All heavy atoms as atom14 arrays in JSON, in Angstrom:
{
  "sequence": "PELPVSYAGGLFRSGGLILQPLRRELERLGGFRLVEPLMPPVLGAALL",
  "atom14_mask": [
    [1, 1, 1, 1, 1, 1, 1, 0, 0, 0, 0, 0, 0, 0],
    [1, 1, 1, 1, 1, 1, 1, 1, 1, 0, 0, 0, 0, 0],
    [1, 1, 1, 1, 1, 1, 1, 1, 0, 0, 0, 0, 0, 0],
    [1, 1, 1, 1, 1, 1, 1, 0, 0, 0, 0, 0, 0, 0],
    [1, 1, 1, 1, 1, 1, 1, 0, 0, 0, 0, 0, 0, 0],
    [1, 1, 1, 1, 1, 1, 0, 0, 0, 0, 0, 0, 0, 0],
    [1, 1, 1, 1, 1, 1, 1, 1, 1, 1, 1, 1, 0, 0],
    [1, 1, 1, 1, 1, 0, 0, 0, 0, 0, 0, 0, 0, 0],
    [1, 1, 1, 1, 0, 0, 0, 0, 0, 0, 0, 0, 0, 0],
    [1, 1, 1, 1, 0, 0, 0, 0, 0, 0, 0, 0, 0, 0],
    [1, 1, 1, 1, 1, 1, 1, 1, 0, 0, 0, 0, 0, 0],
    [1, 1, 1, 1, 1, 1, 1, 1, 1, 1, 1, 0, 0, 0],
    [1, 1, 1, 1, 1, 1, 1, 1, 1, 1, 1, 0, 0, 0],
    [1, 1, 1, 1, 1, 1, 0, 0, 0, 0, 0, 0, 0, 0],
    [1, 1, 1, 1, 0, 0, 0, 0, 0, 0, 0, 0, 0, 0],
    [1, 1, 1, 1, 0, 0, 0, 0, 0, 0, 0, 0, 0, 0],
    [1, 1, 1, 1, 1, 1, 1, 1, 0, 0, 0, 0, 0, 0],
    [1, 1, 1, 1, 1, 1, 1, 1, 0, 0, 0, 0, 0, 0],
    [1, 1, 1, 1, 1, 1, 1, 1, 0, 0, 0, 0, 0, 0],
    [1, 1, 1, 1, 1, 1, 1, 1, 1, 0, 0, 0, 0, 0],
    [1, 1, 1, 1, 1, 1, 1, 0, 0, 0, 0, 0, 0, 0],
    [1, 1, 1, 1, 1, 1, 1, 1, 0, 0, 0, 0, 0, 0],
    [1, 1, 1, 1, 1, 1, 1, 1, 1, 1, 1, 0, 0, 0],
    [1, 1, 1, 1, 1, 1, 1, 1, 1, 1, 1, 0, 0, 0],
    [1, 1, 1, 1, 1, 1, 1, 1, 1, 0, 0, 0, 0, 0],
    [1, 1, 1, 1, 1, 1, 1, 1, 0, 0, 0, 0, 0, 0],
    [1, 1, 1, 1, 1, 1, 1, 1, 1, 0, 0, 0, 0, 0],
    [1, 1, 1, 1, 1, 1, 1, 1, 1, 1, 1, 0, 0, 0],
    [1, 1, 1, 1, 1, 1, 1, 1, 0, 0, 0, 0, 0, 0],
    [1, 1, 1, 1, 0, 0, 0, 0, 0, 0, 0, 0, 0, 0],
    [1, 1, 1, 1, 0, 0, 0, 0, 0, 0, 0, 0, 0, 0],
    [1, 1, 1, 1, 1, 1, 1, 1, 1, 1, 1, 0, 0, 0],
    [1, 1, 1, 1, 1, 1, 1, 1, 1, 1, 1, 0, 0, 0],
    [1, 1, 1, 1, 1, 1, 1, 1, 0, 0, 0, 0, 0, 0],
    [1, 1, 1, 1, 1, 1, 1, 0, 0, 0, 0, 0, 0, 0],
    [1, 1, 1, 1, 1, 1, 1, 1, 1, 0, 0, 0, 0, 0],
    [1, 1, 1, 1, 1, 1, 1, 0, 0, 0, 0, 0, 0, 0],
    [1, 1, 1, 1, 1, 1, 1, 1, 0, 0, 0, 0, 0, 0],
    [1, 1, 1, 1, 1, 1, 1, 1, 0, 0, 0, 0, 0, 0],
    [1, 1, 1, 1, 1, 1, 1, 0, 0, 0, 0, 0, 0, 0],
    [1, 1, 1, 1, 1, 1, 1, 0, 0, 0, 0, 0, 0, 0],
    [1, 1, 1, 1, 1, 1, 1, 0, 0, 0, 0, 0, 0, 0],
    [1, 1, 1, 1, 1, 1, 1, 1, 0, 0, 0, 0, 0, 0],
    [1, 1, 1, 1, 0, 0, 0, 0, 0, 0, 0, 0, 0, 0],
    [1, 1, 1, 1, 1, 0, 0, 0, 0, 0, 0, 0, 0, 0],
    [1, 1, 1, 1, 1, 0, 0, 0, 0, 0, 0, 0, 0, 0],
    [1, 1, 1, 1, 1, 1, 1, 1, 0, 0, 0, 0, 0, 0],
    [1, 1, 1, 1, 1, 1, 1, 1, 0, 0, 0, 0, 0, 0]
  ],
  "atom14_positions": [
    [[0.78, -1.24, 0.03], [0.02, 0.03, 0.01], [0.84, 1.26, -0.01], [0.42, 2.29, -0.53], [-0.82, -0.11, 1.28], [-0.02, -1.0, 2.18], [0.63, -2.0, 1.25], [0.0, 0.0, 0.0], [0.0, 0.0, 0.0], [0.0, 0.0, 0.0], [0.0, 0.0, 0.0], [0.0, 0.0, 0.0], [0.0, 0.0, 0.0], [0.0, 0.0, 0.0]],
    [[2.01, 1.23, 0.66], [2.86, 2.4, 0.7], [4.27, 1.96, 0.56], [4.92, 1.47, 1.5], [2.65, 3.15, 2.05], [3.28, 4.52, 2.08], [3.03, 5.24, 3.37], [3.33, 4.68, 4.45], [2.47, 6.36, 3.34], [0.0, 0.0, 0.0], [0.0, 0.0, 0.0], [0.0, 0.0, 0.0], [0.0, 0.0, 0.0], [0.0, 0.0, 0.0]],
    [[4.8, 2.13, -0.64], [6.16, 1.63, -0.98], [7.23, 2.56, -0.41], [7.28, 3.74, -0.76], [6.3, 1.49, -2.49], [7.58, 0.91, -3.01], [7.72, -0.57, -2.53], [7.65, 0.98, -4.51], [0.0, 0.0, 0.0], [0.0, 0.0, 0.0], [0.0, 0.0, 0.0], [0.0, 0.0, 0.0], [0.0, 0.0, 0.0], [0.0, 0.0, 0.0]],
    [[8.16, 2.05, 0.42], [9.22, 2.9, 0.91], [10.2, 3.27, -0.24], [10.56, 2.39, -1.01], [9.95, 2.01, 1.93], [8.96, 0.94, 2.3], [8.18, 0.71, 1.04], [0.0, 0.0, 0.0], [0.0, 0.0, 0.0], [0.0, 0.0, 0.0], [0.0, 0.0, 0.0], [0.0, 0.0, 0.0], [0.0, 0.0, 0.0], [0.0, 0.0, 0.0]],
    [[10.58, 4.54, -0.29], [11.49, 5.04, -1.3], [12.62, 5.71, -0.58], [12.44, 6.68, 0.2], [10.85, 6.04, -2.25], [11.86, 6.6, -3.27], [9.68, 5.38, -3.0], [0.0, 0.0, 0.0], [0.0, 0.0, 0.0], [0.0, 0.0, 0.0], [0.0, 0.0, 0.0], [0.0, 0.0, 0.0], [0.0, 0.0, 0.0], [0.0, 0.0, 0.0]],
    [[13.89, 5.21, -0.83], [15.06, 5.85, -0.2], [15.91, 6.39, -1.34], [15.52, 6.44, -2.49], [15.84, 4.85, 0.61], [16.75, 5.49, 1.47], [0.0, 0.0, 0.0], [0.0, 0.0, 0.0], [0.0, 0.0, 0.0], [0.0, 0.0, 0.0], [0.0, 0.0, 0.0], [0.0, 0.0, 0.0], [0.0, 0.0, 0.0], [0.0, 0.0, 0.0]],
    [[17.07, 6.89, -1.03], [17.89, 7.64, -1.97], [19.36, 7.52, -1.64], [19.74, 7.29, -0.53], [17.43, 9.13, -1.96], [17.41, 9.74, -0.58], [18.52, 10.29, 0.0], [16.23, 9.65, 0.22], [18.52, 10.83, 1.3], [16.21, 10.13, 1.5], [17.35, 10.75, 2.04], [17.29, 11.25, 3.3], [0.0, 0.0, 0.0], [0.0, 0.0, 0.0]],
    [[20.18, 7.79, -2.68], [21.65, 7.77, -2.53], [22.25, 8.51, -3.7], [21.62, 8.71, -4.74], [22.19, 6.36, -2.45], [0.0, 0.0, 0.0], [0.0, 0.0, 0.0], [0.0, 0.0, 0.0], [0.0, 0.0, 0.0], [0.0, 0.0, 0.0], [0.0, 0.0, 0.0], [0.0, 0.0, 0.0], [0.0, 0.0, 0.0], [0.0, 0.0, 0.0]],
    [[23.48, 8.97, -3.54], [24.17, 9.62, -4.6], [24.5, 11.08, -4.36], [23.88, 11.73, -3.49], [0.0, 0.0, 0.0], [0.0, 0.0, 0.0], [0.0, 0.0, 0.0], [0.0, 0.0, 0.0], [0.0, 0.0, 0.0], [0.0, 0.0, 0.0], [0.0, 0.0, 0.0], [0.0, 0.0, 0.0], [0.0, 0.0, 0.0], [0.0, 0.0, 0.0]],
    [[25.4, 11.59, -5.17], [25.93, 12.92, -4.89], [24.91, 14.03, -4.97], [25.04, 15.07, -4.3], [0.0, 0.0, 0.0], [0.0, 0.0, 0.0], [0.0, 0.0, 0.0], [0.0, 0.0, 0.0], [0.0, 0.0, 0.0], [0.0, 0.0, 0.0], [0.0, 0.0, 0.0], [0.0, 0.0, 0.0], [0.0, 0.0, 0.0], [0.0, 0.0, 0.0]],
    [[23.85, 13.9, -5.78], [22.85, 14.98, -5.91], [22.21, 15.22, -4.55], [21.87, 16.37, -4.24], [21.77, 14.61, -6.92], [20.67, 15.65, -7.11], [21.23, 16.99, -7.54], [19.63, 15.14, -8.06], [0.0, 0.0, 0.0], [0.0, 0.0, 0.0], [0.0, 0.0, 0.0], [0.0, 0.0, 0.0], [0.0, 0.0, 0.0], [0.0, 0.0, 0.0]],
    [[22.05, 14.17, -3.71], [21.32, 14.35, -2.47], [22.17, 15.07, -1.41], [21.64, 15.43, -0.31], [20.84, 13.02, -1.96], [19.79, 12.45, -2.9], [20.1, 11.43, -3.81], [18.49, 12.93, -2.85], [19.13, 10.96, -4.63], [17.53, 12.41, -3.7], [17.83, 11.45, -4.61], [0.0, 0.0, 0.0], [0.0, 0.0, 0.0], [0.0, 0.0, 0.0]],
    [[23.44, 15.39, -1.72], [24.18, 16.25, -0.83], [23.65, 17.69, -0.92], [24.02, 18.55, -0.08], [25.66, 16.23, -1.19], [26.35, 14.94, -0.74], [27.87, 15.07, -0.71], [28.47, 15.26, -2.03], [28.81, 14.26, -2.77], [28.72, 12.98, -2.35], [29.41, 14.5, -3.91], [0.0, 0.0, 0.0], [0.0, 0.0, 0.0], [0.0, 0.0, 0.0]],
    [[22.78, 17.96, -1.92], [22.13, 19.27, -1.98], [21.05, 19.45, -0.92], [20.42, 20.49, -0.81], [21.53, 19.48, -3.39], [22.54, 19.47, -4.34], [0.0, 0.0, 0.0], [0.0, 0.0, 0.0], [0.0, 0.0, 0.0], [0.0, 0.0, 0.0], [0.0, 0.0, 0.0], [0.0, 0.0, 0.0], [0.0, 0.0, 0.0], [0.0, 0.0, 0.0]],
    [[20.75, 18.33, -0.23], [19.8, 18.41, 0.91], [18.43, 18.77, 0.48], [17.86, 18.23, -0.44], [0.0, 0.0, 0.0], [0.0, 0.0, 0.0], [0.0, 0.0, 0.0], [0.0, 0.0, 0.0], [0.0, 0.0, 0.0], [0.0, 0.0, 0.0], [0.0, 0.0, 0.0], [0.0, 0.0, 0.0], [0.0, 0.0, 0.0], [0.0, 0.0, 0.0]],
    [[17.86, 19.76, 1.14], [16.48, 20.16, 0.95], [16.2, 20.61, -0.48], [15.03, 20.57, -0.87], [0.0, 0.0, 0.0], [0.0, 0.0, 0.0], [0.0, 0.0, 0.0], [0.0, 0.0, 0.0], [0.0, 0.0, 0.0], [0.0, 0.0, 0.0], [0.0, 0.0, 0.0], [0.0, 0.0, 0.0], [0.0, 0.0, 0.0], [0.0, 0.0, 0.0]],
    [[17.19, 21.12, -1.2], [16.96, 21.55, -2.6], [16.33, 20.45, -3.44], [15.5, 20.72, -4.31], [18.27, 22.06, -3.25], [18.76, 23.42, -2.79], [20.08, 23.7, -3.45], [17.73, 24.51, -3.07], [0.0, 0.0, 0.0], [0.0, 0.0, 0.0], [0.0, 0.0, 0.0], [0.0, 0.0, 0.0], [0.0, 0.0, 0.0], [0.0, 0.0, 0.0]],
    [[16.79, 19.17, -3.2], [16.24, 18.06, -3.98], [15.27, 17.23, -3.15], [14.28, 16.71, -3.65], [17.36, 17.17, -4.59], [16.76, 16.14, -5.5], [18.19, 16.57, -3.52], [16.05, 16.68, -6.71], [0.0, 0.0, 0.0], [0.0, 0.0, 0.0], [0.0, 0.0, 0.0], [0.0, 0.0, 0.0], [0.0, 0.0, 0.0], [0.0, 0.0, 0.0]],
    [[15.54, 17.09, -1.83], [14.69, 16.22, -1.02], [13.31, 16.78, -0.8], [12.32, 16.03, -0.78], [15.36, 15.94, 0.36], [16.57, 15.0, 0.28], [17.26, 14.97, 1.65], [16.11, 13.6, -0.11], [0.0, 0.0, 0.0], [0.0, 0.0, 0.0], [0.0, 0.0, 0.0], [0.0, 0.0, 0.0], [0.0, 0.0, 0.0], [0.0, 0.0, 0.0]],
    [[13.18, 18.07, -0.65], [11.85, 18.66, -0.4], [10.92, 18.49, -1.62], [9.82, 18.02, -1.49], [11.99, 20.11, 0.01], [12.53, 20.26, 1.42], [12.69, 21.74, 1.8], [12.25, 22.65, 1.09], [13.35, 21.99, 2.95], [0.0, 0.0, 0.0], [0.0, 0.0, 0.0], [0.0, 0.0, 0.0], [0.0, 0.0, 0.0], [0.0, 0.0, 0.0]],
    [[11.42, 18.83, -2.83], [10.58, 18.6, -3.98], [10.3, 17.13, -4.28], [9.23, 16.78, -4.75], [11.25, 19.31, -5.12], [12.67, 19.45, -4.72], [12.64, 19.62, -3.21], [0.0, 0.0, 0.0], [0.0, 0.0, 0.0], [0.0, 0.0, 0.0], [0.0, 0.0, 0.0], [0.0, 0.0, 0.0], [0.0, 0.0, 0.0], [0.0, 0.0, 0.0]],
    [[11.27, 16.26, -3.94], [11.08, 14.83, -4.15], [10.0, 14.34, -3.23], [9.11, 13.55, -3.63], [12.39, 14.08, -3.95], [12.31, 12.54, -4.12], [11.81, 12.18, -5.49], [13.66, 11.91, -3.83], [0.0, 0.0, 0.0], [0.0, 0.0, 0.0], [0.0, 0.0, 0.0], [0.0, 0.0, 0.0], [0.0, 0.0, 0.0], [0.0, 0.0, 0.0]],
    [[10.02, 14.77, -1.96], [8.99, 14.34, -1.02], [7.62, 14.84, -1.48], [6.64, 14.07, -1.46], [9.33, 14.83, 0.38], [8.33, 14.46, 1.44], [8.74, 14.87, 2.82], [9.8, 14.08, 3.36], [11.09, 14.46, 3.45], [11.4, 15.68, 3.06], [12.0, 13.67, 3.88], [0.0, 0.0, 0.0], [0.0, 0.0, 0.0], [0.0, 0.0, 0.0]],
    [[7.57, 16.08, -1.91], [6.25, 16.64, -2.35], [5.72, 15.84, -3.53], [4.55, 15.54, -3.63], [6.45, 18.12, -2.77], [6.64, 19.06, -1.59], [6.35, 20.52, -2.0], [7.28, 20.94, -3.12], [8.44, 21.5, -2.91], [8.83, 21.75, -1.65], [9.19, 21.9, -3.9], [0.0, 0.0, 0.0], [0.0, 0.0, 0.0], [0.0, 0.0, 0.0]],
    [[6.64, 15.49, -4.5], [6.16, 14.76, -5.65], [5.7, 13.39, -5.34], [4.67, 12.93, -5.86], [7.29, 14.7, -6.7], [6.95, 14.03, -8.03], [5.91, 14.79, -8.82], [5.57, 15.94, -8.48], [5.37, 14.15, -9.79], [0.0, 0.0, 0.0], [0.0, 0.0, 0.0], [0.0, 0.0, 0.0], [0.0, 0.0, 0.0], [0.0, 0.0, 0.0]],
    [[6.37, 12.68, -4.44], [5.94, 11.35, -4.05], [4.63, 11.41, -3.31], [3.77, 10.54, -3.45], [7.03, 10.7, -3.18], [8.34, 10.32, -3.89], [9.37, 9.86, -2.88], [8.07, 9.25, -4.98], [0.0, 0.0, 0.0], [0.0, 0.0, 0.0], [0.0, 0.0, 0.0], [0.0, 0.0, 0.0], [0.0, 0.0, 0.0], [0.0, 0.0, 0.0]],
    [[4.47, 12.41, -2.47], [3.15, 12.6, -1.79], [2.05, 12.88, -2.76], [0.91, 12.41, -2.62], [3.29, 13.7, -0.76], [4.15, 13.31, 0.45], [4.37, 14.47, 1.41], [3.96, 15.6, 1.04], [4.96, 14.24, 2.5], [0.0, 0.0, 0.0], [0.0, 0.0, 0.0], [0.0, 0.0, 0.0], [0.0, 0.0, 0.0], [0.0, 0.0, 0.0]],
    [[2.36, 13.66, -3.77], [1.33, 14.0, -4.8], [0.92, 12.75, -5.53], [-0.27, 12.53, -5.82], [1.9, 15.04, -5.76], [0.88, 15.52, -6.79], [1.53, 16.39, -7.88], [2.4, 15.55, -8.75], [1.92, 14.8, -9.77], [0.64, 14.72, -9.98], [2.82, 14.1, -10.48], [0.0, 0.0, 0.0], [0.0, 0.0, 0.0], [0.0, 0.0, 0.0]],
    [[1.91, 11.91, -5.85], [1.59, 10.69, -6.61], [0.84, 9.69, -5.76], [-0.04, 8.99, -6.24], [2.92, 10.05, -7.06], [3.68, 10.81, -8.18], [5.07, 10.24, -8.29], [2.96, 10.7, -9.51], [0.0, 0.0, 0.0], [0.0, 0.0, 0.0], [0.0, 0.0, 0.0], [0.0, 0.0, 0.0], [0.0, 0.0, 0.0], [0.0, 0.0, 0.0]],
    [[1.1, 9.65, -4.49], [0.43, 8.71, -3.56], [0.95, 7.31, -3.64], [1.51, 6.87, -4.67], [0.0, 0.0, 0.0], [0.0, 0.0, 0.0], [0.0, 0.0, 0.0], [0.0, 0.0, 0.0], [0.0, 0.0, 0.0], [0.0, 0.0, 0.0], [0.0, 0.0, 0.0], [0.0, 0.0, 0.0], [0.0, 0.0, 0.0], [0.0, 0.0, 0.0]],
    [[0.98, 6.61, -2.5], [1.42, 5.23, -2.47], [2.94, 5.07, -2.25], [3.45, 3.96, -2.35], [0.0, 0.0, 0.0], [0.0, 0.0, 0.0], [0.0, 0.0, 0.0], [0.0, 0.0, 0.0], [0.0, 0.0, 0.0], [0.0, 0.0, 0.0], [0.0, 0.0, 0.0], [0.0, 0.0, 0.0], [0.0, 0.0, 0.0], [0.0, 0.0, 0.0]],
    [[3.59, 6.2, -1.89], [5.03, 6.15, -1.61], [5.35, 6.87, -0.31], [4.6, 7.69, 0.16], [5.79, 6.88, -2.75], [5.64, 6.24, -4.1], [4.78, 6.76, -5.03], [6.39, 5.12, -4.42], [4.62, 6.26, -6.27], [6.26, 4.56, -5.7], [5.37, 5.1, -6.59], [0.0, 0.0, 0.0], [0.0, 0.0, 0.0], [0.0, 0.0, 0.0]],
    [[6.43, 6.42, 0.29], [6.88, 7.06, 1.51], [8.43, 7.22, 1.49], [9.15, 6.27, 1.36], [6.54, 6.16, 2.72], [7.02, 6.62, 4.07], [6.39, 5.81, 5.18], [6.46, 4.39, 4.93], [7.41, 3.59, 5.36], [8.43, 4.07, 6.09], [7.37, 2.27, 5.13], [0.0, 0.0, 0.0], [0.0, 0.0, 0.0], [0.0, 0.0, 0.0]],
    [[8.83, 8.48, 1.5], [10.29, 8.78, 1.44], [10.93, 8.47, 2.8], [10.5, 8.94, 3.83], [10.55, 10.21, 1.04], [11.99, 10.59, 0.75], [12.46, 9.89, -0.52], [12.14, 12.1, 0.55], [0.0, 0.0, 0.0], [0.0, 0.0, 0.0], [0.0, 0.0, 0.0], [0.0, 0.0, 0.0], [0.0, 0.0, 0.0], [0.0, 0.0, 0.0]],
    [[11.99, 7.62, 2.79], [12.66, 7.24, 4.03], [14.13, 7.53, 3.92], [14.74, 7.4, 2.82], [12.42, 5.77, 4.37], [10.93, 5.47, 4.59], [12.97, 4.87, 3.3], [0.0, 0.0, 0.0], [0.0, 0.0, 0.0], [0.0, 0.0, 0.0], [0.0, 0.0, 0.0], [0.0, 0.0, 0.0], [0.0, 0.0, 0.0], [0.0, 0.0, 0.0]],
    [[14.74, 7.89, 5.05], [16.13, 8.14, 5.04], [16.92, 6.85, 4.97], [16.53, 5.83, 5.58], [16.54, 8.83, 6.37], [17.99, 9.26, 6.48], [18.27, 10.0, 7.74], [17.33, 10.34, 8.49], [19.47, 10.28, 8.03], [0.0, 0.0, 0.0], [0.0, 0.0, 0.0], [0.0, 0.0, 0.0], [0.0, 0.0, 0.0], [0.0, 0.0, 0.0]],
    [[18.01, 6.74, 4.18], [18.78, 5.54, 4.07], [19.38, 5.14, 5.39], [19.87, 6.02, 6.17], [19.87, 5.83, 3.04], [19.96, 7.35, 3.0], [18.57, 7.83, 3.35], [0.0, 0.0, 0.0], [0.0, 0.0, 0.0], [0.0, 0.0, 0.0], [0.0, 0.0, 0.0], [0.0, 0.0, 0.0], [0.0, 0.0, 0.0], [0.0, 0.0, 0.0]],
    [[19.42, 3.82, 5.68], [20.02, 3.35, 6.92], [21.55, 3.47, 6.87], [22.18, 3.83, 7.9], [19.69, 1.86, 7.11], [18.22, 1.51, 7.44], [18.07, -0.02, 7.46], [17.83, 2.11, 8.79], [0.0, 0.0, 0.0], [0.0, 0.0, 0.0], [0.0, 0.0, 0.0], [0.0, 0.0, 0.0], [0.0, 0.0, 0.0], [0.0, 0.0, 0.0]],
    [[22.15, 3.25, 5.71], [23.6, 3.25, 5.58], [23.98, 3.78, 4.22], [23.17, 3.72, 3.28], [24.15, 1.84, 5.72], [23.99, 1.12, 7.02], [24.69, -0.58, 6.98], [23.21, -1.58, 6.79], [0.0, 0.0, 0.0], [0.0, 0.0, 0.0], [0.0, 0.0, 0.0], [0.0, 0.0, 0.0], [0.0, 0.0, 0.0], [0.0, 0.0, 0.0]],
    [[25.19, 4.25, 4.03], [25.65, 4.68, 2.76], [25.92, 3.49, 1.84], [26.08, 2.36, 2.33], [26.9, 5.51, 3.04], [27.45, 4.89, 4.33], [26.19, 4.54, 5.12], [0.0, 0.0, 0.0], [0.0, 0.0, 0.0], [0.0, 0.0, 0.0], [0.0, 0.0, 0.0], [0.0, 0.0, 0.0], [0.0, 0.0, 0.0], [0.0, 0.0, 0.0]],
    [[26.02, 3.71, 0.51], [26.2, 2.63, -0.4], [27.42, 1.75, -0.16], [27.38, 0.59, -0.39], [26.28, 3.36, -1.76], [25.47, 4.56, -1.57], [25.74, 5.03, -0.16], [0.0, 0.0, 0.0], [0.0, 0.0, 0.0], [0.0, 0.0, 0.0], [0.0, 0.0, 0.0], [0.0, 0.0, 0.0], [0.0, 0.0, 0.0], [0.0, 0.0, 0.0]],
    [[28.51, 2.34, 0.33], [29.7, 1.51, 0.53], [29.49, 0.46, 1.59], [30.02, -0.67, 1.48], [30.97, 2.4, 0.8], [30.89, 3.03, 2.16], [32.21, 1.56, 0.65], [0.0, 0.0, 0.0], [0.0, 0.0, 0.0], [0.0, 0.0, 0.0], [0.0, 0.0, 0.0], [0.0, 0.0, 0.0], [0.0, 0.0, 0.0], [0.0, 0.0, 0.0]],
    [[28.69, 0.78, 2.59], [28.36, -0.26, 3.58], [27.42, -1.3, 2.99], [27.5, -2.47, 3.33], [27.72, 0.38, 4.85], [28.67, 0.78, 5.94], [29.58, 1.96, 5.52], [27.95, 1.19, 7.21], [0.0, 0.0, 0.0], [0.0, 0.0, 0.0], [0.0, 0.0, 0.0], [0.0, 0.0, 0.0], [0.0, 0.0, 0.0], [0.0, 0.0, 0.0]],
    [[26.57, -0.8, 2.05], [25.75, -1.78, 1.32], [26.6, -2.71, 0.5], [26.3, -3.92, 0.39], [0.0, 0.0, 0.0], [0.0, 0.0, 0.0], [0.0, 0.0, 0.0], [0.0, 0.0, 0.0], [0.0, 0.0, 0.0], [0.0, 0.0, 0.0], [0.0, 0.0, 0.0], [0.0, 0.0, 0.0], [0.0, 0.0, 0.0], [0.0, 0.0, 0.0]],
    [[27.68, -2.23, -0.09], [28.54, -3.07, -0.88], [29.28, -4.11, 0.0], [29.44, -5.26, -0.39], [29.63, -2.19, -1.59], [0.0, 0.0, 0.0], [0.0, 0.0, 0.0], [0.0, 0.0, 0.0], [0.0, 0.0, 0.0], [0.0, 0.0, 0.0], [0.0, 0.0, 0.0], [0.0, 0.0, 0.0], [0.0, 0.0, 0.0], [0.0, 0.0, 0.0]],
    [[29.63, -3.69, 1.22], [30.21, -4.64, 2.18], [29.23, -5.71, 2.57], [29.55, -6.88, 2.66], [30.72, -3.9, 3.4], [0.0, 0.0, 0.0], [0.0, 0.0, 0.0], [0.0, 0.0, 0.0], [0.0, 0.0, 0.0], [0.0, 0.0, 0.0], [0.0, 0.0, 0.0], [0.0, 0.0, 0.0], [0.0, 0.0, 0.0], [0.0, 0.0, 0.0]],
    [[27.95, -5.32, 2.77], [26.91, -6.3, 3.08], [26.73, -7.3, 1.91], [26.54, -8.51, 2.13], [25.58, -5.59, 3.35], [25.23, -5.23, 4.79], [23.99, -4.42, 4.83], [25.08, -6.51, 5.62], [0.0, 0.0, 0.0], [0.0, 0.0, 0.0], [0.0, 0.0, 0.0], [0.0, 0.0, 0.0], [0.0, 0.0, 0.0], [0.0, 0.0, 0.0]],
    [[26.78, -6.78, 0.69], [26.66, -7.63, -0.51], [27.84, -8.59, -0.61], [27.67, -9.72, -1.12], [26.49, -6.8, -1.75], [25.11, -6.11, -1.86], [25.13, -5.04, -2.94], [23.99, -7.09, -2.11], [0.0, 0.0, 0.0], [0.0, 0.0, 0.0], [0.0, 0.0, 0.0], [0.0, 0.0, 0.0], [0.0, 0.0, 0.0], [0.0, 0.0, 0.0]]
  ]
}
C-alpha cells in the first residue's frame, strides 16, 4: 500500500533543494513514503 523510497548519490548532498521537492512529488503521486537511508552505499557493498 505504501512503498518505501530511499535515496543515494551525490545529488542528495544538496539536501532540501532536492529532497523537499522529491517528497512533495511522491506525496502528490500517492502510495510512496520517502525514508532516510540506513547506511551509505559503501556499507551496502560490504553487506553484499
